[in-house]
Every structure is written in structure tokens, then in C-alpha cells.
Amino acid sequence: MFVIVIYDIPDNKRRTRLFKALKGFGTPVQFSAFECILTDKHFREMQEVIRNIIDCSKDKCRIYTLCNGCRVSIKNVGTGEVVKDRNVIIV
């Protein structure tokens, strides 16, 4: 599934921790915004990681899942590209 994660975290330490954690799930495309291609299992794991890092009383985090039809309609203005499927090598 194609997922966009955006967050607004005022605390530098938590924001940095979340950024580093999300790099294990996707690609940073803007400040505090990631695009991820995830399995259902990794999607659940990512949500748990986010819950364990953020302070729900102070921080904001939104996760958007996009269907394939929505994903192909993403328009990019300026530099950068929409994240492509991860390369899979079967041995």
C-alpha cells in the first residue's frame, strides 16, 4: 500500500526520533513528510512505532493511504519524484 505520513512535532528530540524511525519505512519527501510503500504488516508496525514516539497531547501525525488510482494521479511540481515501488529481487 502507498502511504503518506505527515507530522508536526514541536519537540526537536521527538521529531528527530520519529524522522529516523520513519526512514526505516519510507522516503522523506519534504520536511516532516514521508512516502512509504508498505505491506499490511509493516503498516501496522509503523503505526506502533509512531505511537511509541509521539506525545499524543502535544504532537500531530496523520497517515494517509492512497489507492493505486490515486497514487498515479499524484502531481509533482518542482524537484523530486513520487516514490516508486521498492525493487524486489527473488533468488
Protein backbone atom coordinates (compact mmCIF):
# COMPACT_ATOMS: atom_id res chain seq x y z
CA MET A 1 0.00 0.00 0.00
CA PHE A 2 1.11 3.56 -0.69
CA VAL A 3 1.14 5.69 2.46
CA ILE A 4 1.88 9.34 3.17
CA VAL A 5 2.89 10.26 6.71
CA ILE A 6 2.98 13.90 7.80
CA TYR A 7 3.71 15.23 11.25
CA ASP A 8 4.08 18.40 13.27
CA ILE A 9 6.14 17.85 16.41
CA PRO A 10 7.36 20.89 18.35
CA ASP A 11 9.95 18.96 20.38
CA ASN A 12 13.26 18.58 18.49
CA LYS A 13 14.22 15.32 20.20
CA ARG A 14 10.90 13.55 19.44
CA ARG A 15 10.81 14.97 15.91
CA THR A 16 14.33 13.67 15.21
CA ARG A 17 13.49 10.26 16.71
CA LEU A 18 10.40 9.98 14.53
CA PHE A 19 12.28 11.09 11.40
CA LYS A 20 14.96 8.44 11.97
CA ALA A 21 12.35 5.76 12.67
CA LEU A 22 10.29 6.59 9.59
CA LYS A 23 13.39 6.33 7.37
CA GLY A 24 13.13 2.59 8.04
CA PHE A 25 9.68 2.57 6.44
CA GLY A 26 9.84 5.11 3.64
CA THR A 27 11.43 8.08 1.94
CA PRO A 28 11.39 11.65 3.25
CA VAL A 29 9.95 13.86 0.51
CA GLN A 30 9.61 17.15 2.41
CA PHE A 31 10.28 18.37 5.93
CA SER A 32 8.08 16.19 8.14
CA ALA A 33 6.57 14.25 5.22
CA PHE A 34 7.27 10.69 4.11
CA GLU A 35 6.06 8.50 1.26
CA CYS A 36 6.05 4.78 2.04
CA ILE A 37 5.24 1.60 0.19
CA LEU A 38 4.28 -0.91 2.87
CA THR A 39 2.86 -4.34 3.39
CA ASP A 40 -0.03 -4.61 5.85
CA LYS A 41 2.40 -5.96 8.45
CA HIS A 42 4.84 -3.06 8.01
CA PHE A 43 1.95 -0.59 8.08
CA ARG A 44 0.88 -1.90 11.49
CA GLU A 45 4.49 -1.86 12.72
CA MET A 46 4.96 1.73 11.57
CA GLN A 47 1.82 2.86 13.40
CA GLU A 48 3.08 1.23 16.60
CA VAL A 49 6.48 2.93 16.24
CA ILE A 50 4.78 6.30 15.76
CA ARG A 51 2.56 5.77 18.82
CA ASN A 52 5.63 4.91 20.92
CA ILE A 53 7.50 8.08 19.91
CA ILE A 54 4.99 10.91 19.78
CA ASP A 55 3.31 12.67 22.68
CA CYS A 56 -0.38 12.49 21.76
CA SER A 57 -1.17 15.53 23.90
CA LYS A 58 1.28 17.79 22.01
CA ASP A 59 2.16 16.25 18.64
CA LYS A 60 0.25 15.82 15.40
CA CYS A 61 0.71 12.93 12.98
CA ARG A 62 -1.50 11.98 10.05
CA ILE A 63 -1.28 8.86 7.92
CA TYR A 64 -2.96 8.79 4.52
CA THR A 65 -3.32 5.60 2.48
CA LEU A 66 -3.76 6.02 -1.25
CA CYS A 67 -5.20 3.51 -3.68
CA ASN A 68 -3.28 2.78 -6.89
CA GLY A 69 -5.63 5.01 -8.87
CA CYS A 70 -4.98 7.91 -6.51
CA ARG A 71 -1.26 7.23 -6.47
CA VAL A 72 -0.87 7.50 -10.23
CA SER A 73 -2.73 10.81 -10.20
CA ILE A 74 -0.19 12.49 -7.87
CA LYS A 75 1.21 15.60 -9.49
CA ASN A 76 4.69 16.77 -8.58
CA VAL A 77 5.55 20.42 -9.14
CA GLY A 78 9.22 21.29 -8.67
CA THR A 79 12.03 18.95 -7.78
CA GLY A 80 11.69 15.38 -6.56
CA GLU A 81 9.74 12.34 -7.64
CA VAL A 82 6.91 10.29 -6.23
CA VAL A 83 8.35 7.20 -4.54
CA LYS A 84 8.34 4.16 -6.81
CA ASP A 85 7.80 0.55 -5.81
CA ARG A 86 10.69 -0.97 -3.93
CA ASN A 87 12.89 -3.19 -6.03
CA VAL A 88 12.35 -6.85 -5.23
CA ILE A 89 14.93 -9.47 -6.10
CA ILE A 90 13.87 -13.10 -5.88
CA VAL A 91 16.73 -15.57 -5.60
